[in-house]
């Protein structure tokens, strides 16, 4: 008997940590053009930053699947969470010190785009090692629902958080990625397949 998804610790850690990540990421993304306009007053600069996110996702996404097949997928996901936390944290600090620049924001946008493009194929490739074959369609559906939830909640929160303070959406992004990094650090430690009751007896019968 296969362990239910609700009791699969590794899958629940992955799912829960990604809820946090997507909430913070979408809140920061919706606030980014508002921030650039507030800091620079330039619509062109705002377009440059948003275009950087899209371009980075495209450039990194094309070879992303092949790259994550060569690298350790858990390491890729942890590195993406850490990089996004550092990028968001650096922007919060720059805003707090009133030294944020377009170049800095473009770099942060590039980090967000690259990490998003690499994380998704790494997570997709990891799922079969966390859940059984019969649970895979359900896990994929749950991940899809999680993505929609994170997008809706983050988009709704981004504008409100920006109204509270320019740095607030990015501070939330920093916190959520940091928490996700910590949670994800314990994912599938020491086990490559989900527990299956009775599997150890399959070769002893008869």
C-alpha atoms as a PDB file:
ATOM      1  CA  UNK A   1       0.000   0.000   0.000  1.00  0.00           C
ATOM      2  CA  UNK A   2       1.453   3.354  -1.069  1.00  0.00           C
ATOM      3  CA  UNK A   3       1.735   6.192   1.437  1.00  0.00           C
ATOM      4  CA  UNK A   4      -1.065   8.765   0.784  1.00  0.00           C
ATOM      5  CA  UNK A   5       0.079  12.133  -0.536  1.00  0.00           C
ATOM      6  CA  UNK A   6      -1.303  13.787   2.584  1.00  0.00           C
ATOM      7  CA  UNK A   7       1.180  11.738   4.657  1.00  0.00           C
ATOM      8  CA  UNK A   8       4.070  11.861   2.196  1.00  0.00           C
ATOM      9  CA  UNK A   9       6.475  14.109   4.116  1.00  0.00           C
ATOM     10  CA  UNK A  10       8.793  14.827   1.203  1.00  0.00           C
ATOM     11  CA  UNK A  11       5.993  15.769  -1.175  1.00  0.00           C
ATOM     12  CA  UNK A  12       4.272  17.901   1.459  1.00  0.00           C
ATOM     13  CA  UNK A  13       7.536  19.735   2.158  1.00  0.00           C
ATOM     14  CA  UNK A  14       8.015  20.410  -1.537  1.00  0.00           C
ATOM     15  CA  UNK A  15       4.406  21.482  -2.073  1.00  0.00           C
ATOM     16  CA  UNK A  16       4.243  23.705   1.007  1.00  0.00           C
ATOM     17  CA  UNK A  17       7.580  25.395   0.377  1.00  0.00           C
ATOM     18  CA  UNK A  18       6.597  26.186  -3.196  1.00  0.00           C
ATOM     19  CA  UNK A  19       3.341  27.782  -2.031  1.00  0.00           C
ATOM     20  CA  UNK A  20       5.474  30.226  -0.059  1.00  0.00           C
ATOM     21  CA  UNK A  21       7.851  30.815  -2.969  1.00  0.00           C
ATOM     22  CA  UNK A  22       5.105  31.494  -5.485  1.00  0.00           C
ATOM     23  CA  UNK A  23       3.261  33.824  -3.127  1.00  0.00           C
ATOM     24  CA  UNK A  24       6.385  35.943  -2.605  1.00  0.00           C
ATOM     25  CA  UNK A  25       7.485  35.789  -6.233  1.00  0.00           C
ATOM     26  CA  UNK A  26       4.131  36.927  -7.616  1.00  0.00           C
ATOM     27  CA  UNK A  27       3.795  39.696  -5.038  1.00  0.00           C
ATOM     28  CA  UNK A  28       7.250  41.002  -5.986  1.00  0.00           C
ATOM     29  CA  UNK A  29       6.573  40.655  -9.720  1.00  0.00           C
ATOM     30  CA  UNK A  30       3.379  42.696  -9.606  1.00  0.00           C
ATOM     31  CA  UNK A  31       5.144  45.350  -7.506  1.00  0.00           C
ATOM     32  CA  UNK A  32       8.253  45.574  -9.704  1.00  0.00           C
ATOM     33  CA  UNK A  33       6.889  48.002 -12.344  1.00  0.00           C
ATOM     34  CA  UNK A  34       5.369  50.138  -9.586  1.00  0.00           C
ATOM     35  CA  UNK A  35       8.731  50.261  -7.842  1.00  0.00           C
ATOM     36  CA  UNK A  36      10.674  51.209 -10.971  1.00  0.00           C
ATOM     37  CA  UNK A  37       8.202  53.981 -11.780  1.00  0.00           C
ATOM     38  CA  UNK A  38       8.358  55.268  -8.212  1.00  0.00           C
ATOM     39  CA  UNK A  39      12.163  55.268  -8.134  1.00  0.00           C
ATOM     40  CA  UNK A  40      12.914  56.505 -11.662  1.00  0.00           C
ATOM     41  CA  UNK A  41       9.687  58.004 -12.990  1.00  0.00           C
ATOM     42  CA  UNK A  42      10.509  56.317 -16.293  1.00  0.00           C
ATOM     43  CA  UNK A  43       8.141  54.013 -18.126  1.00  0.00           C
ATOM     44  CA  UNK A  44      11.048  52.870 -20.303  1.00  0.00           C
ATOM     45  CA  UNK A  45      13.000  51.755 -17.240  1.00  0.00           C
ATOM     46  CA  UNK A  46       9.960  49.871 -15.975  1.00  0.00           C
ATOM     47  CA  UNK A  47       9.669  48.104 -19.317  1.00  0.00           C
ATOM     48  CA  UNK A  48      13.369  47.273 -19.252  1.00  0.00           C
ATOM     49  CA  UNK A  49      13.112  45.584 -15.861  1.00  0.00           C
ATOM     50  CA  UNK A  50      10.004  43.594 -16.781  1.00  0.00           C
ATOM     51  CA  UNK A  51      11.544  42.681 -20.131  1.00  0.00           C
ATOM     52  CA  UNK A  52      14.615  41.402 -18.319  1.00  0.00           C
ATOM     53  CA  UNK A  53      12.515  38.949 -16.308  1.00  0.00           C
ATOM     54  CA  UNK A  54      10.913  37.594 -19.494  1.00  0.00           C
ATOM     55  CA  UNK A  55      14.191  37.479 -21.428  1.00  0.00           C
ATOM     56  CA  UNK A  56      16.006  35.699 -18.598  1.00  0.00           C
ATOM     57  CA  UNK A  57      13.233  33.114 -18.377  1.00  0.00           C
ATOM     58  CA  UNK A  58      13.416  32.530 -22.111  1.00  0.00           C
ATOM     59  CA  UNK A  59      17.207  32.276 -22.319  1.00  0.00           C
ATOM     60  CA  UNK A  60      17.533  30.030 -19.281  1.00  0.00           C
ATOM     61  CA  UNK A  61      14.380  28.060 -20.076  1.00  0.00           C
ATOM     62  CA  UNK A  62      15.528  26.824 -23.479  1.00  0.00           C
ATOM     63  CA  UNK A  63      18.377  24.658 -22.108  1.00  0.00           C
ATOM     64  CA  UNK A  64      16.812  24.389 -18.653  1.00  0.00           C
ATOM     65  CA  UNK A  65      15.484  20.850 -19.003  1.00  0.00           C
ATOM     66  CA  UNK A  66      18.784  19.501 -20.296  1.00  0.00           C
ATOM     67  CA  UNK A  67      20.737  21.303 -17.592  1.00  0.00           C
ATOM     68  CA  UNK A  68      18.691  20.019 -14.659  1.00  0.00           C
ATOM     69  CA  UNK A  69      19.052  16.480 -16.020  1.00  0.00           C
ATOM     70  CA  UNK A  70      22.815  16.858 -15.665  1.00  0.00           C
ATOM     71  CA  UNK A  71      22.774  18.559 -12.270  1.00  0.00           C
ATOM     72  CA  UNK A  72      21.502  17.437  -8.892  1.00  0.00           C
ATOM     73  CA  UNK A  73      17.854  18.562  -8.927  1.00  0.00           C
ATOM     74  CA  UNK A  74      17.605  19.122  -5.203  1.00  0.00           C
ATOM     75  CA  UNK A  75      20.691  21.316  -5.356  1.00  0.00           C
ATOM     76  CA  UNK A  76      19.211  23.272  -8.282  1.00  0.00           C
ATOM     77  CA  UNK A  77      16.002  23.985  -6.369  1.00  0.00           C
ATOM     78  CA  UNK A  78      17.842  24.984  -3.200  1.00  0.00           C
ATOM     79  CA  UNK A  79      20.200  27.218  -5.174  1.00  0.00           C
ATOM     80  CA  UNK A  80      17.256  28.910  -6.886  1.00  0.00           C
ATOM     81  CA  UNK A  81      15.559  29.600  -3.555  1.00  0.00           C
ATOM     82  CA  UNK A  82      18.783  30.947  -2.034  1.00  0.00           C
ATOM     83  CA  UNK A  83      19.564  33.144  -5.045  1.00  0.00           C
ATOM     84  CA  UNK A  84      16.082  34.663  -5.080  1.00  0.00           C
ATOM     85  CA  UNK A  85      16.216  35.310  -1.338  1.00  0.00           C
ATOM     86  CA  UNK A  86      19.581  37.059  -1.679  1.00  0.00           C
ATOM     87  CA  UNK A  87      18.383  39.095  -4.675  1.00  0.00           C
ATOM     88  CA  UNK A  88      15.195  40.198  -2.918  1.00  0.00           C
ATOM     89  CA  UNK A  89      17.089  40.942   0.294  1.00  0.00           C
ATOM     90  CA  UNK A  90      19.642  43.080  -1.548  1.00  0.00           C
ATOM     91  CA  UNK A  91      16.830  45.110  -3.110  1.00  0.00           C
ATOM     92  CA  UNK A  92      15.151  45.617   0.271  1.00  0.00           C
ATOM     93  CA  UNK A  93      18.450  46.872   1.685  1.00  0.00           C
ATOM     94  CA  UNK A  94      19.019  49.192  -1.276  1.00  0.00           C
ATOM     95  CA  UNK A  95      15.525  50.638  -0.916  1.00  0.00           C
ATOM     96  CA  UNK A  96      15.980  51.066   2.811  1.00  0.00           C
ATOM     97  CA  UNK A  97      19.243  52.964   2.210  1.00  0.00           C
ATOM     98  CA  UNK A  98      17.698  54.864  -0.712  1.00  0.00           C
ATOM     99  CA  UNK A  99      20.400  53.705  -3.145  1.00  0.00           C
ATOM    100  CA  UNK A 100      18.325  51.494  -5.471  1.00  0.00           C
ATOM    101  CA  UNK A 101      19.303  51.891  -9.132  1.00  0.00           C
ATOM    102  CA  UNK A 102      17.975  50.651 -12.455  1.00  0.00           C
ATOM    103  CA  UNK A 103      21.058  48.473 -12.917  1.00  0.00           C
ATOM    104  CA  UNK A 104      20.479  46.828  -9.539  1.00  0.00           C
ATOM    105  CA  UNK A 105      16.823  46.193 -10.336  1.00  0.00           C
ATOM    106  CA  UNK A 106      17.726  44.727 -13.733  1.00  0.00           C
ATOM    107  CA  UNK A 107      20.134  42.303 -12.034  1.00  0.00           C
ATOM    108  CA  UNK A 108      17.463  41.284  -9.519  1.00  0.00           C
ATOM    109  CA  UNK A 109      14.978  40.795 -12.356  1.00  0.00           C
ATOM    110  CA  UNK A 110      17.478  38.603 -14.213  1.00  0.00           C
ATOM    111  CA  UNK A 111      18.005  36.445 -11.116  1.00  0.00           C
ATOM    112  CA  UNK A 112      14.243  36.038 -10.701  1.00  0.00           C
ATOM    113  CA  UNK A 113      13.845  35.046 -14.355  1.00  0.00           C
ATOM    114  CA  UNK A 114      16.721  32.548 -14.457  1.00  0.00           C
ATOM    115  CA  UNK A 115      15.733  30.907 -11.171  1.00  0.00           C
ATOM    116  CA  UNK A 116      12.117  30.579 -12.247  1.00  0.00           C
ATOM    117  CA  UNK A 117      13.154  28.972 -15.530  1.00  0.00           C
ATOM    118  CA  UNK A 118      15.451  26.433 -13.863  1.00  0.00           C
ATOM    119  CA  UNK A 119      13.293  25.602 -10.862  1.00  0.00           C
ATOM    120  CA  UNK A 120      10.233  24.416 -12.765  1.00  0.00           C
ATOM    121  CA  UNK A 121      11.906  21.627 -14.795  1.00  0.00           C
ATOM    122  CA  UNK A 122      13.877  20.563 -11.725  1.00  0.00           C
ATOM    123  CA  UNK A 123      10.674  20.196  -9.708  1.00  0.00           C
ATOM    124  CA  UNK A 124       8.896  18.378 -12.549  1.00  0.00           C
ATOM    125  CA  UNK A 125      11.780  15.929 -12.901  1.00  0.00           C
ATOM    126  CA  UNK A 126      11.854  15.353  -9.139  1.00  0.00           C
ATOM    127  CA  UNK A 127       8.181  14.444  -8.702  1.00  0.00           C
ATOM    128  CA  UNK A 128       8.499  10.792  -9.876  1.00  0.00           C
ATOM    129  CA  UNK A 129      11.076  10.184  -7.137  1.00  0.00           C
ATOM    130  CA  UNK A 130       8.761  11.539  -4.445  1.00  0.00           C
ATOM    131  CA  UNK A 131       5.437   9.904  -5.314  1.00  0.00           C
ATOM    132  CA  UNK A 132       4.371   6.564  -6.739  1.00  0.00           C
ATOM    133  CA  UNK A 133       3.467   6.179 -10.402  1.00  0.00           C
ATOM    134  CA  UNK A 134      -0.260   5.942  -9.653  1.00  0.00           C
ATOM    135  CA  UNK A 135      -0.105   9.125  -7.545  1.00  0.00           C
ATOM    136  CA  UNK A 136       1.796  11.132 -10.149  1.00  0.00           C
ATOM    137  CA  UNK A 137      -1.278  12.530 -11.997  1.00  0.00           C
ATOM    138  CA  UNK A 138      -2.774  13.684  -8.681  1.00  0.00           C
ATOM    139  CA  UNK A 139       0.503  15.267  -7.609  1.00  0.00           C
ATOM    140  CA  UNK A 140       0.787  17.112 -10.929  1.00  0.00           C
ATOM    141  CA  UNK A 141      -2.790  18.383 -10.554  1.00  0.00           C
ATOM    142  CA  UNK A 142      -2.088  19.532  -6.993  1.00  0.00           C
ATOM    143  CA  UNK A 143       1.015  21.374  -8.203  1.00  0.00           C
ATOM    144  CA  UNK A 144      -1.024  23.074 -10.909  1.00  0.00           C
ATOM    145  CA  UNK A 145      -3.591  24.181  -8.344  1.00  0.00           C
ATOM    146  CA  UNK A 146      -0.818  25.422  -6.091  1.00  0.00           C
ATOM    147  CA  UNK A 147       0.614  27.525  -8.924  1.00  0.00           C
ATOM    148  CA  UNK A 148      -2.773  29.109  -9.573  1.00  0.00           C
ATOM    149  CA  UNK A 149      -3.261  29.764  -5.859  1.00  0.00           C
ATOM    150  CA  UNK A 150       0.164  31.375  -5.544  1.00  0.00           C
ATOM    151  CA  UNK A 151      -0.425  33.526  -8.609  1.00  0.00           C
ATOM    152  CA  UNK A 152      -3.821  34.775  -7.456  1.00  0.00           C
ATOM    153  CA  UNK A 153      -2.792  35.381  -3.855  1.00  0.00           C
ATOM    154  CA  UNK A 154       0.538  36.973  -4.745  1.00  0.00           C
ATOM    155  CA  UNK A 155      -0.944  39.224  -7.407  1.00  0.00           C
ATOM    156  CA  UNK A 156      -3.677  40.363  -5.038  1.00  0.00           C
ATOM    157  CA  UNK A 157      -1.188  41.002  -2.240  1.00  0.00           C
ATOM    158  CA  UNK A 158       1.506  42.729  -4.308  1.00  0.00           C
ATOM    159  CA  UNK A 159      -0.264  46.033  -4.870  1.00  0.00           C
ATOM    160  CA  UNK A 160      -1.490  46.224  -1.283  1.00  0.00           C
ATOM    161  CA  UNK A 161       1.964  45.477   0.119  1.00  0.00           C
ATOM    162  CA  UNK A 162       3.514  48.114  -2.135  1.00  0.00           C
ATOM    163  CA  UNK A 163       1.009  50.647  -0.807  1.00  0.00           C
ATOM    164  CA  UNK A 164       2.214  49.831   2.710  1.00  0.00           C
ATOM    165  CA  UNK A 165       5.816  50.497   1.697  1.00  0.00           C
ATOM    166  CA  UNK A 166       7.964  50.265  -1.429  1.00  0.00           C
ATOM    167  CA  UNK A 167      10.210  47.631   0.075  1.00  0.00           C
ATOM    168  CA  UNK A 168       7.460  45.528   1.672  1.00  0.00           C
ATOM    169  CA  UNK A 169       6.630  43.191  -1.288  1.00  0.00           C
ATOM    170  CA  UNK A 170      10.311  42.407  -1.686  1.00  0.00           C
ATOM    171  CA  UNK A 171      10.760  41.898   2.037  1.00  0.00           C
ATOM    172  CA  UNK A 172       7.899  39.400   1.879  1.00  0.00           C
ATOM    173  CA  UNK A 173       9.580  37.761  -1.104  1.00  0.00           C
ATOM    174  CA  UNK A 174      12.835  37.512   0.861  1.00  0.00           C
ATOM    175  CA  UNK A 175      11.072  35.923   3.840  1.00  0.00           C
ATOM    176  CA  UNK A 176       9.044  33.446   1.782  1.00  0.00           C
ATOM    177  CA  UNK A 177      12.067  32.263  -0.229  1.00  0.00           C
ATOM    178  CA  UNK A 178      14.113  31.934   2.945  1.00  0.00           C
ATOM    179  CA  UNK A 179      11.388  29.864   4.614  1.00  0.00           C
ATOM    180  CA  UNK A 180      11.021  27.781   1.461  1.00  0.00           C
ATOM    181  CA  UNK A 181      14.777  27.162   1.432  1.00  0.00           C
ATOM    182  CA  UNK A 182      14.688  25.960   5.030  1.00  0.00           C
ATOM    183  CA  UNK A 183      11.644  23.724   4.453  1.00  0.00           C
ATOM    184  CA  UNK A 184      12.967  22.347   1.202  1.00  0.00           C
ATOM    185  CA  UNK A 185      16.291  21.506   2.810  1.00  0.00           C
ATOM    186  CA  UNK A 186      14.624  18.493   4.442  1.00  0.00           C
ATOM    187  CA  UNK A 187      12.962  17.194   1.293  1.00  0.00           C
ATOM    188  CA  UNK A 188      13.455  13.508   0.340  1.00  0.00           C
ATOM    189  CA  UNK A 189      16.527  13.170   2.577  1.00  0.00           C
ATOM    190  CA  UNK A 190      17.805   9.625   2.357  1.00  0.00           C
ATOM    191  CA  UNK A 191      14.943   8.254   0.257  1.00  0.00           C
ATOM    192  CA  UNK A 192      14.599   8.182  -3.520  1.00  0.00           C
ATOM    193  CA  UNK A 193      11.132   6.607  -3.749  1.00  0.00           C
ATOM    194  CA  UNK A 194       7.995   6.951  -1.590  1.00  0.00           C
ATOM    195  CA  UNK A 195       7.417   4.400   1.121  1.00  0.00           C
ATOM    196  CA  UNK A 196       5.379   1.409   0.045  1.00  0.00           C
ATOM    197  CA  UNK A 197       4.018  -0.900   2.710  1.00  0.00           C
ATOM    198  CA  UNK A 198       4.763  -4.515   2.001  1.00  0.00           C
ATOM    199  CA  UNK A 199       7.257  -3.828  -0.802  1.00  0.00           C
ATOM    200  CA  UNK A 200      10.015  -5.420   1.200  1.00  0.00           C
ATOM    201  CA  UNK A 201       8.115  -8.738   1.196  1.00  0.00           C
ATOM    202  CA  UNK A 202       7.552  -8.895  -2.541  1.00  0.00           C
ATOM    203  CA  UNK A 203      10.627 -11.017  -3.180  1.00  0.00           C
ATOM    204  CA  UNK A 204      10.106 -13.474  -0.298  1.00  0.00           C
ATOM    205  CA  UNK A 205       6.751 -14.999  -1.177  1.00  0.00           C
ATOM    206  CA  UNK A 206       6.404 -18.296  -2.984  1.00  0.00           C
END
